[in-house]
Amino acid sequence: MDKIEKAVYTILKEIGEDVNREGLIETPKRVARMYREVFYGLKEKPPEFKVFKSNNDQMIVKTFKCFSWCEHHLVPIEMKIAFAYIPNGKVTGISKIIRRIKWWCARPVIQENLTNNIIKDFVKEIKPKGAMLIIKGRHFCELIRGVKTESWTITSAIYGVFRNDPEADKLTRL
């Protein structure tokens, strides 16, 4: 039994579960496999951006859903992500943007830091005229414990030409 399995076994025992009942016997192994899968962003290198020359100077917007993990409670955060940028002579593959953002999400986080880390990473690598990221997160720690409410937290990071546009965040409504 590896360290994660032992820890899960101990947690189950400490909360009063019968660790030998049929439904729980394999749980420590399953949880250990799941943690390795969902936290891959801590061990794997970030996916590389593929960059192409382009004379496009119009905004590119991508929206999608993904999950991350609350660093305070280790429970999921469901996220709706809106990402936009204005190229500066080059573009990157849209799937690469999604892969890179999901890599950032594959670790325990607080949403505020995640938002800033993602946009700073993109701006540093791609150097667009402007970039914007809006994350709408539903934190399961709020949903299942504590305040027990189904609310959404919205964070944003806005760089370059978008900073001068008071309506910029409306461009990527979630």
N, C-alpha and C. Protein backbone atom coordinates (compact mmCIF):
# COMPACT_ATOMS: atom_id res chain seq x y z
N MET A 1 0.86 -1.18 0.00
CA MET A 1 0.00 0.00 0.00
C MET A 1 0.90 1.24 0.00
N ASP A 2 0.67 2.17 -0.95
CA ASP A 2 1.51 3.36 -0.99
C ASP A 2 1.02 4.39 0.04
N LYS A 3 1.71 5.51 0.11
CA LYS A 3 1.41 6.52 1.14
C LYS A 3 0.01 7.10 1.02
N ILE A 4 -0.44 7.38 -0.21
CA ILE A 4 -1.78 7.93 -0.37
C ILE A 4 -2.82 6.90 0.05
N GLU A 5 -2.64 5.66 -0.36
CA GLU A 5 -3.57 4.59 0.04
C GLU A 5 -3.65 4.47 1.56
N LYS A 6 -2.50 4.50 2.21
CA LYS A 6 -2.47 4.40 3.68
C LYS A 6 -3.21 5.58 4.31
N ALA A 7 -3.00 6.77 3.76
CA ALA A 7 -3.67 7.96 4.30
C ALA A 7 -5.18 7.86 4.15
N VAL A 8 -5.65 7.41 2.98
CA VAL A 8 -7.09 7.27 2.75
C VAL A 8 -7.66 6.20 3.67
N TYR A 9 -6.96 5.10 3.82
CA TYR A 9 -7.36 4.02 4.73
C TYR A 9 -7.53 4.59 6.15
N THR A 10 -6.56 5.39 6.58
CA THR A 10 -6.61 5.99 7.91
C THR A 10 -7.79 6.94 8.04
N ILE A 11 -8.02 7.77 7.02
CA ILE A 11 -9.15 8.70 7.06
C ILE A 11 -10.47 7.93 7.19
N LEU A 12 -10.64 6.89 6.37
CA LEU A 12 -11.87 6.10 6.44
C LEU A 12 -12.07 5.51 7.83
N LYS A 13 -11.01 5.00 8.38
CA LYS A 13 -11.08 4.40 9.72
C LYS A 13 -11.43 5.47 10.77
N GLU A 14 -10.78 6.63 10.67
CA GLU A 14 -10.98 7.70 11.65
C GLU A 14 -12.37 8.33 11.59
N ILE A 15 -13.02 8.30 10.44
CA ILE A 15 -14.38 8.85 10.38
C ILE A 15 -15.43 7.82 10.82
N GLY A 16 -14.96 6.61 11.16
CA GLY A 16 -15.87 5.60 11.70
C GLY A 16 -16.32 4.56 10.71
N GLU A 17 -15.72 4.49 9.54
CA GLU A 17 -16.10 3.50 8.54
C GLU A 17 -15.46 2.15 8.83
N ASP A 18 -16.11 1.10 8.36
CA ASP A 18 -15.55 -0.24 8.41
C ASP A 18 -14.72 -0.42 7.14
N VAL A 19 -13.41 -0.29 7.26
CA VAL A 19 -12.52 -0.33 6.09
C VAL A 19 -12.49 -1.70 5.43
N ASN A 20 -13.08 -2.69 6.07
CA ASN A 20 -13.09 -4.04 5.49
C ASN A 20 -14.41 -4.40 4.82
N ARG A 21 -15.36 -3.47 4.80
CA ARG A 21 -16.61 -3.80 4.12
C ARG A 21 -16.38 -3.76 2.61
N GLU A 22 -17.19 -4.55 1.92
CA GLU A 22 -16.99 -4.79 0.49
C GLU A 22 -16.83 -3.52 -0.34
N GLY A 23 -17.67 -2.53 -0.13
CA GLY A 23 -17.62 -1.31 -0.94
C GLY A 23 -16.41 -0.44 -0.71
N LEU A 24 -15.69 -0.66 0.41
CA LEU A 24 -14.55 0.20 0.74
C LEU A 24 -13.19 -0.47 0.58
N ILE A 25 -13.16 -1.76 0.38
CA ILE A 25 -11.87 -2.47 0.34
C ILE A 25 -10.91 -1.87 -0.69
N GLU A 26 -11.41 -1.55 -1.87
CA GLU A 26 -10.55 -1.02 -2.94
C GLU A 26 -10.51 0.52 -2.97
N THR A 27 -11.26 1.17 -2.09
CA THR A 27 -11.35 2.63 -2.12
C THR A 27 -10.00 3.33 -1.96
N PRO A 28 -9.15 2.93 -1.04
CA PRO A 28 -7.85 3.61 -0.95
C PRO A 28 -7.06 3.57 -2.27
N LYS A 29 -7.08 2.45 -2.98
CA LYS A 29 -6.39 2.36 -4.27
C LYS A 29 -7.04 3.26 -5.30
N ARG A 30 -8.39 3.27 -5.34
CA ARG A 30 -9.10 4.10 -6.30
C ARG A 30 -8.83 5.59 -6.06
N VAL A 31 -8.84 5.99 -4.80
CA VAL A 31 -8.60 7.40 -4.47
C VAL A 31 -7.16 7.78 -4.83
N ALA A 32 -6.21 6.91 -4.56
CA ALA A 32 -4.81 7.18 -4.90
C ALA A 32 -4.66 7.36 -6.42
N ARG A 33 -5.29 6.49 -7.20
CA ARG A 33 -5.26 6.62 -8.68
C ARG A 33 -5.90 7.93 -9.12
N MET A 34 -7.04 8.26 -8.51
CA MET A 34 -7.74 9.49 -8.87
C MET A 34 -6.87 10.71 -8.56
N TYR A 35 -6.25 10.76 -7.39
CA TYR A 35 -5.41 11.91 -7.04
C TYR A 35 -4.25 12.07 -8.03
N ARG A 36 -3.64 10.97 -8.42
CA ARG A 36 -2.54 11.06 -9.39
C ARG A 36 -3.06 11.61 -10.72
N GLU A 37 -4.27 11.22 -11.09
CA GLU A 37 -4.87 11.67 -12.35
C GLU A 37 -5.26 13.14 -12.29
N VAL A 38 -5.98 13.55 -11.27
CA VAL A 38 -6.52 14.91 -11.25
C VAL A 38 -5.48 15.97 -10.86
N PHE A 39 -4.41 15.58 -10.22
CA PHE A 39 -3.36 16.53 -9.82
C PHE A 39 -2.13 16.44 -10.71
N TYR A 40 -2.30 16.04 -11.97
CA TYR A 40 -1.17 15.87 -12.88
C TYR A 40 -0.41 17.17 -13.10
N GLY A 41 -1.06 18.30 -12.90
CA GLY A 41 -0.40 19.59 -13.10
C GLY A 41 0.75 19.84 -12.14
N LEU A 42 0.83 19.08 -11.07
CA LEU A 42 1.93 19.23 -10.12
C LEU A 42 3.19 18.48 -10.55
N LYS A 43 3.05 17.47 -11.39
CA LYS A 43 4.21 16.64 -11.75
C LYS A 43 4.60 16.72 -13.22
N GLU A 44 3.62 16.93 -14.09
CA GLU A 44 3.91 16.96 -15.53
C GLU A 44 4.32 18.35 -15.98
N LYS A 45 5.10 18.40 -17.05
CA LYS A 45 5.46 19.68 -17.66
C LYS A 45 4.22 20.28 -18.31
N PRO A 46 4.17 21.62 -18.40
CA PRO A 46 3.00 22.23 -19.05
C PRO A 46 2.96 21.90 -20.53
N PRO A 47 1.76 21.72 -21.08
CA PRO A 47 1.64 21.53 -22.53
C PRO A 47 2.19 22.77 -23.24
N GLU A 48 2.91 22.55 -24.33
CA GLU A 48 3.50 23.68 -25.05
C GLU A 48 2.48 24.33 -25.97
N PHE A 49 2.61 25.63 -26.12
CA PHE A 49 1.80 26.35 -27.09
C PHE A 49 2.42 26.14 -28.47
N LYS A 50 1.60 25.85 -29.46
CA LYS A 50 2.03 25.83 -30.86
C LYS A 50 1.70 27.22 -31.40
N VAL A 51 2.70 27.88 -31.96
CA VAL A 51 2.53 29.26 -32.40
C VAL A 51 2.62 29.34 -33.92
N PHE A 52 1.72 30.15 -34.50
CA PHE A 52 1.67 30.33 -35.95
C PHE A 52 1.63 31.83 -36.26
N LYS A 53 2.34 32.24 -37.31
CA LYS A 53 2.26 33.63 -37.75
C LYS A 53 0.84 33.89 -38.23
N SER A 54 0.38 35.12 -37.95
CA SER A 54 -0.98 35.48 -38.37
C SER A 54 -1.10 36.99 -38.46
N ASN A 55 -1.84 37.46 -39.46
CA ASN A 55 -2.12 38.89 -39.53
C ASN A 55 -3.47 39.23 -38.89
N ASN A 56 -4.08 38.26 -38.25
CA ASN A 56 -5.34 38.50 -37.54
C ASN A 56 -5.07 39.44 -36.37
N ASP A 57 -5.85 40.52 -36.28
CA ASP A 57 -5.71 41.42 -35.14
C ASP A 57 -7.06 41.59 -34.42
N GLN A 58 -7.93 40.59 -34.60
CA GLN A 58 -9.25 40.61 -33.97
C GLN A 58 -9.26 39.64 -32.78
N MET A 59 -10.17 39.88 -31.88
CA MET A 59 -10.26 39.08 -30.67
C MET A 59 -10.63 37.63 -30.97
N ILE A 60 -9.99 36.73 -30.25
CA ILE A 60 -10.29 35.30 -30.31
C ILE A 60 -10.81 34.93 -28.92
N VAL A 61 -11.97 34.28 -28.86
CA VAL A 61 -12.59 33.94 -27.58
C VAL A 61 -12.82 32.44 -27.52
N LYS A 62 -12.51 31.85 -26.38
CA LYS A 62 -12.78 30.43 -26.15
C LYS A 62 -13.46 30.31 -24.80
N THR A 63 -14.56 29.56 -24.76
CA THR A 63 -15.23 29.27 -23.48
C THR A 63 -15.33 27.75 -23.33
N PHE A 64 -15.18 27.29 -22.12
CA PHE A 64 -15.28 25.86 -21.84
C PHE A 64 -15.42 25.65 -20.33
N LYS A 65 -15.71 24.42 -19.95
CA LYS A 65 -15.82 24.05 -18.54
C LYS A 65 -14.63 23.18 -18.15
N CYS A 66 -14.26 23.26 -16.90
CA CYS A 66 -13.27 22.33 -16.36
C CYS A 66 -13.40 22.33 -14.83
N PHE A 67 -12.55 21.56 -14.18
CA PHE A 67 -12.57 21.44 -12.72
C PHE A 67 -11.18 21.74 -12.17
N SER A 68 -11.18 22.24 -10.95
CA SER A 68 -9.96 22.36 -10.18
C SER A 68 -10.30 21.89 -8.77
N TRP A 69 -9.40 22.14 -7.83
CA TRP A 69 -9.56 21.63 -6.48
C TRP A 69 -9.25 22.72 -5.46
N CYS A 70 -10.15 22.91 -4.53
CA CYS A 70 -9.96 23.88 -3.45
C CYS A 70 -8.76 23.45 -2.60
N GLU A 71 -7.80 24.35 -2.44
CA GLU A 71 -6.61 24.00 -1.67
C GLU A 71 -6.88 23.97 -0.17
N HIS A 72 -8.00 24.51 0.26
CA HIS A 72 -8.31 24.51 1.70
C HIS A 72 -9.05 23.25 2.14
N HIS A 73 -9.81 22.62 1.22
CA HIS A 73 -10.65 21.48 1.60
C HIS A 73 -10.47 20.25 0.71
N LEU A 74 -9.70 20.38 -0.38
CA LEU A 74 -9.48 19.30 -1.35
C LEU A 74 -10.79 18.75 -1.91
N VAL A 75 -11.70 19.65 -2.22
CA VAL A 75 -12.93 19.27 -2.91
C VAL A 75 -12.97 20.02 -4.24
N PRO A 76 -13.76 19.54 -5.20
CA PRO A 76 -13.76 20.16 -6.53
C PRO A 76 -14.29 21.59 -6.57
N ILE A 77 -13.82 22.29 -7.59
CA ILE A 77 -14.37 23.58 -7.99
C ILE A 77 -14.78 23.40 -9.45
N GLU A 78 -16.07 23.52 -9.72
CA GLU A 78 -16.55 23.47 -11.10
C GLU A 78 -16.36 24.85 -11.70
N MET A 79 -15.76 24.91 -12.88
CA MET A 79 -15.45 26.21 -13.46
C MET A 79 -15.96 26.37 -14.87
N LYS A 80 -16.48 27.56 -15.14
CA LYS A 80 -16.79 27.99 -16.49
C LYS A 80 -15.73 29.04 -16.82
N ILE A 81 -15.03 28.82 -17.91
CA ILE A 81 -13.89 29.66 -18.24
C ILE A 81 -14.14 30.38 -19.55
N ALA A 82 -13.88 31.67 -19.56
CA ALA A 82 -13.91 32.47 -20.79
C ALA A 82 -12.53 33.09 -20.94
N PHE A 83 -11.90 32.80 -22.06
CA PHE A 83 -10.56 33.29 -22.33
C PHE A 83 -10.58 34.02 -23.66
N ALA A 84 -9.98 35.21 -23.70
CA ALA A 84 -9.94 35.98 -24.94
C ALA A 84 -8.56 36.62 -25.09
N TYR A 85 -8.14 36.75 -26.35
CA TYR A 85 -6.92 37.50 -26.60
C TYR A 85 -6.95 38.13 -27.98
N ILE A 86 -6.15 39.16 -28.14
CA ILE A 86 -5.97 39.81 -29.43
C ILE A 86 -4.53 39.54 -29.85
N PRO A 87 -4.35 38.84 -30.96
CA PRO A 87 -3.00 38.47 -31.40
C PRO A 87 -2.12 39.68 -31.72
N ASN A 88 -0.84 39.43 -31.67
CA ASN A 88 0.16 40.45 -31.99
C ASN A 88 1.14 39.86 -33.00
N GLY A 89 0.61 39.43 -34.15
CA GLY A 89 1.45 38.86 -35.19
C GLY A 89 1.56 37.35 -35.15
N LYS A 90 0.99 36.74 -34.11
CA LYS A 90 1.00 35.28 -34.03
C LYS A 90 -0.20 34.81 -33.21
N VAL A 91 -0.63 33.60 -33.52
CA VAL A 91 -1.73 32.96 -32.79
C VAL A 91 -1.23 31.61 -32.28
N THR A 92 -1.99 31.05 -31.37
CA THR A 92 -1.68 29.72 -30.88
C THR A 92 -2.92 28.84 -31.05
N GLY A 93 -2.69 27.54 -31.16
CA GLY A 93 -3.81 26.61 -31.32
C GLY A 93 -4.77 26.70 -30.16
N ILE A 94 -6.05 26.74 -30.48
CA ILE A 94 -7.08 26.87 -29.44
C ILE A 94 -7.04 25.69 -28.48
N SER A 95 -6.83 24.49 -29.00
CA SER A 95 -6.78 23.33 -28.10
C SER A 95 -5.59 23.44 -27.14
N LYS A 96 -4.52 24.11 -27.57
CA LYS A 96 -3.36 24.28 -26.69
C LYS A 96 -3.68 25.22 -25.53
N ILE A 97 -4.52 26.23 -25.80
CA ILE A 97 -4.94 27.13 -24.72
C ILE A 97 -5.72 26.33 -23.68
N ILE A 98 -6.66 25.51 -24.15
CA ILE A 98 -7.46 24.70 -23.23
C ILE A 98 -6.58 23.75 -22.44
N ARG A 99 -5.67 23.07 -23.12
CA ARG A 99 -4.78 22.12 -22.42
C ARG A 99 -3.93 22.82 -21.36
N ARG A 100 -3.43 24.00 -21.70
CA ARG A 100 -2.58 24.73 -20.75
C ARG A 100 -3.40 25.19 -19.55
N ILE A 101 -4.61 25.70 -19.79
CA ILE A 101 -5.45 26.13 -18.67
C ILE A 101 -5.83 24.93 -17.80
N LYS A 102 -6.17 23.81 -18.41
CA LYS A 102 -6.50 22.61 -17.62
C LYS A 102 -5.30 22.12 -16.82
N TRP A 103 -4.11 22.27 -17.37
CA TRP A 103 -2.88 21.90 -16.63
C TRP A 103 -2.76 22.77 -15.38
N TRP A 104 -3.02 24.07 -15.50
CA TRP A 104 -2.99 24.96 -14.34
C TRP A 104 -4.05 24.56 -13.31
N CYS A 105 -5.20 24.08 -13.80
CA CYS A 105 -6.30 23.71 -12.90
C CYS A 105 -6.05 22.38 -12.19
N ALA A 106 -5.13 21.58 -12.69
CA ALA A 106 -4.89 20.23 -12.16
C ALA A 106 -3.98 20.27 -10.94
N ARG A 107 -4.42 20.99 -9.92
CA ARG A 107 -3.66 21.14 -8.67
C ARG A 107 -4.58 21.80 -7.65
N PRO A 108 -4.26 21.71 -6.37
CA PRO A 108 -5.04 22.46 -5.38
C PRO A 108 -4.77 23.96 -5.55
N VAL A 109 -5.84 24.78 -5.54
CA VAL A 109 -5.70 26.20 -5.82
C VAL A 109 -6.68 27.03 -5.01
N ILE A 110 -6.43 28.34 -5.01
CA ILE A 110 -7.50 29.28 -4.72
C ILE A 110 -7.77 29.97 -6.06
N GLN A 111 -9.01 30.22 -6.34
CA GLN A 111 -9.42 30.71 -7.65
C GLN A 111 -8.74 32.03 -8.02
N GLU A 112 -8.56 32.91 -7.06
CA GLU A 112 -7.94 34.20 -7.34
C GLU A 112 -6.52 34.03 -7.90
N ASN A 113 -5.73 33.17 -7.27
CA ASN A 113 -4.35 32.94 -7.75
C ASN A 113 -4.34 32.20 -9.07
N LEU A 114 -5.23 31.24 -9.22
CA LEU A 114 -5.32 30.49 -10.47
C LEU A 114 -5.55 31.43 -11.64
N THR A 115 -6.48 32.34 -11.49
CA THR A 115 -6.81 33.29 -12.56
C THR A 115 -5.57 34.09 -12.97
N ASN A 116 -4.86 34.62 -12.00
CA ASN A 116 -3.66 35.40 -12.29
C ASN A 116 -2.55 34.57 -12.89
N ASN A 117 -2.34 33.37 -12.38
CA ASN A 117 -1.27 32.50 -12.90
C ASN A 117 -1.49 32.14 -14.36
N ILE A 118 -2.73 31.83 -14.71
CA ILE A 118 -3.04 31.44 -16.08
C ILE A 118 -2.77 32.60 -17.04
N ILE A 119 -3.27 33.78 -16.72
CA ILE A 119 -3.14 34.90 -17.66
C ILE A 119 -1.69 35.36 -17.76
N LYS A 120 -0.98 35.41 -16.64
CA LYS A 120 0.43 35.81 -16.68
C LYS A 120 1.26 34.84 -17.51
N ASP A 121 0.97 33.56 -17.39
CA ASP A 121 1.66 32.53 -18.16
C ASP A 121 1.42 32.75 -19.66
N PHE A 122 0.18 32.98 -20.04
CA PHE A 122 -0.16 33.18 -21.45
C PHE A 122 0.49 34.45 -22.00
N VAL A 123 0.39 35.54 -21.27
CA VAL A 123 0.95 36.82 -21.72
C VAL A 123 2.47 36.71 -21.88
N LYS A 124 3.12 36.05 -20.94
CA LYS A 124 4.58 35.89 -21.00
C LYS A 124 5.00 35.09 -22.24
N GLU A 125 4.28 34.03 -22.55
CA GLU A 125 4.64 33.14 -23.66
C GLU A 125 4.23 33.68 -25.02
N ILE A 126 3.02 34.22 -25.15
CA ILE A 126 2.45 34.57 -26.46
C ILE A 126 2.61 36.06 -26.78
N LYS A 127 2.67 36.90 -25.75
CA LYS A 127 2.82 38.35 -25.92
C LYS A 127 1.73 38.96 -26.83
N PRO A 128 0.47 38.76 -26.48
CA PRO A 128 -0.62 39.32 -27.29
C PRO A 128 -0.77 40.82 -27.05
N LYS A 129 -1.57 41.47 -27.89
CA LYS A 129 -1.90 42.89 -27.67
C LYS A 129 -2.74 43.03 -26.40
N GLY A 130 -3.56 42.04 -26.15
CA GLY A 130 -4.40 42.03 -24.96
C GLY A 130 -4.86 40.62 -24.66
N ALA A 131 -5.12 40.36 -23.41
CA ALA A 131 -5.62 39.04 -23.00
C ALA A 131 -6.53 39.22 -21.80
N MET A 132 -7.52 38.34 -21.72
CA MET A 132 -8.50 38.43 -20.65
C MET A 132 -8.96 37.02 -20.28
N LEU A 133 -9.09 36.81 -18.99
CA LEU A 133 -9.56 35.53 -18.48
C LEU A 133 -10.61 35.81 -17.42
N ILE A 134 -11.75 35.15 -17.56
CA ILE A 134 -12.80 35.24 -16.55
C ILE A 134 -13.13 33.81 -16.13
N ILE A 135 -13.09 33.58 -14.84
CA ILE A 135 -13.42 32.26 -14.30
C ILE A 135 -14.62 32.41 -13.38
N LYS A 136 -15.62 31.61 -13.66
CA LYS A 136 -16.82 31.53 -12.81
C LYS A 136 -16.76 30.17 -12.15
N GLY A 137 -16.52 30.16 -10.82
CA GLY A 137 -16.32 28.90 -10.12
C GLY A 137 -17.39 28.62 -9.08
N ARG A 138 -17.85 27.37 -9.09
CA ARG A 138 -18.78 26.90 -8.05
C ARG A 138 -17.96 25.99 -7.14
N HIS A 139 -17.76 26.45 -5.92
CA HIS A 139 -16.88 25.78 -4.96
C HIS A 139 -17.69 24.77 -4.13
N PHE A 140 -17.32 23.51 -4.26
CA PHE A 140 -18.06 22.47 -3.55
C PHE A 140 -17.91 22.59 -2.03
N CYS A 141 -16.84 23.25 -1.56
CA CYS A 141 -16.71 23.45 -0.11
C CYS A 141 -17.83 24.37 0.40
N GLU A 142 -18.32 25.28 -0.44
CA GLU A 142 -19.45 26.12 -0.06
C GLU A 142 -20.78 25.39 -0.25
N LEU A 143 -20.79 24.49 -1.21
CA LEU A 143 -22.02 23.78 -1.56
C LEU A 143 -22.36 22.70 -0.54
N ILE A 144 -21.35 21.97 -0.05
CA ILE A 144 -21.62 20.81 0.80
C ILE A 144 -21.32 21.01 2.28
N ARG A 145 -20.65 22.10 2.63
CA ARG A 145 -20.32 22.35 4.04
C ARG A 145 -20.35 23.85 4.28
N GLY A 146 -20.11 24.27 5.49
CA GLY A 146 -20.05 25.71 5.78
C GLY A 146 -21.36 26.41 5.47
N VAL A 147 -21.34 27.35 4.53
CA VAL A 147 -22.53 28.14 4.22
C VAL A 147 -23.59 27.35 3.45
N LYS A 148 -23.21 26.23 2.86
CA LYS A 148 -24.13 25.35 2.12
C LYS A 148 -25.01 26.13 1.15
N THR A 149 -24.37 26.80 0.23
CA THR A 149 -25.09 27.57 -0.77
C THR A 149 -24.52 27.29 -2.15
N GLU A 150 -25.40 27.33 -3.13
CA GLU A 150 -24.96 27.13 -4.51
C GLU A 150 -24.71 28.50 -5.12
N SER A 151 -23.54 29.04 -4.85
CA SER A 151 -23.20 30.35 -5.40
C SER A 151 -22.00 30.20 -6.33
N TRP A 152 -21.75 31.23 -7.10
CA TRP A 152 -20.62 31.24 -8.05
C TRP A 152 -19.70 32.40 -7.68
N THR A 153 -18.42 32.15 -7.77
CA THR A 153 -17.41 33.18 -7.56
C THR A 153 -16.81 33.52 -8.91
N ILE A 154 -16.74 34.80 -9.23
CA ILE A 154 -16.20 35.23 -10.51
C ILE A 154 -14.91 36.01 -10.28
N THR A 155 -13.85 35.58 -10.95
CA THR A 155 -12.57 36.29 -10.91
C THR A 155 -12.17 36.62 -12.34
N SER A 156 -11.38 37.68 -12.48
CA SER A 156 -10.94 38.06 -13.82
C SER A 156 -9.51 38.57 -13.77
N ALA A 157 -8.86 38.48 -14.91
CA ALA A 157 -7.53 39.06 -15.10
C ALA A 157 -7.55 39.67 -16.50
N ILE A 158 -7.21 40.94 -16.57
CA ILE A 158 -7.32 41.67 -17.83
C ILE A 158 -6.00 42.38 -18.10
N TYR A 159 -5.43 42.15 -19.30
CA TYR A 159 -4.13 42.72 -19.67
C TYR A 159 -4.18 43.41 -21.02
N GLY A 160 -3.23 44.31 -21.20
CA GLY A 160 -3.05 44.96 -22.49
C GLY A 160 -4.22 45.84 -22.87
N VAL A 161 -4.58 45.80 -24.17
CA VAL A 161 -5.61 46.70 -24.69
C VAL A 161 -6.97 46.53 -24.01
N PHE A 162 -7.23 45.39 -23.43
CA PHE A 162 -8.50 45.18 -22.74
C PHE A 162 -8.61 46.04 -21.48
N ARG A 163 -7.48 46.41 -20.88
CA ARG A 163 -7.51 47.18 -19.63
C ARG A 163 -8.14 48.56 -19.82
N ASN A 164 -8.09 49.08 -21.01
CA ASN A 164 -8.65 50.41 -21.27
C ASN A 164 -10.11 50.35 -21.70
N ASP A 165 -10.68 49.17 -21.75
CA ASP A 165 -12.07 49.00 -22.21
C ASP A 165 -12.96 48.67 -21.02
N PRO A 166 -13.76 49.64 -20.56
CA PRO A 166 -14.61 49.39 -19.38
C PRO A 166 -15.66 48.31 -19.61
N GLU A 167 -15.91 47.96 -20.86
CA GLU A 167 -16.90 46.95 -21.19
C GLU A 167 -16.26 45.60 -21.51
N ALA A 168 -14.95 45.47 -21.34
CA ALA A 168 -14.21 44.28 -21.78
C ALA A 168 -14.78 42.98 -21.22
N ASP A 169 -15.10 42.94 -19.94
CA ASP A 169 -15.56 41.69 -19.36
C ASP A 169 -16.90 41.24 -19.95
N LYS A 170 -17.67 42.15 -20.53
CA LYS A 170 -18.94 41.77 -21.15
C LYS A 170 -18.74 41.00 -22.44
N LEU A 171 -17.54 41.07 -22.99
CA LEU A 171 -17.24 40.38 -24.24
C LEU A 171 -17.20 38.86 -24.07
N THR A 172 -17.01 38.43 -22.86
CA THR A 172 -16.88 36.99 -22.61
C THR A 172 -17.87 36.52 -21.54
N ARG A 173 -19.08 37.02 -21.58
CA ARG A 173 -20.10 36.64 -20.61
C ARG A 173 -20.20 35.13 -20.43
N LEU A 174 -20.26 34.72 -19.19
CA LEU A 174 -20.40 33.29 -18.89
C LEU A 174 -21.83 32.98 -18.50
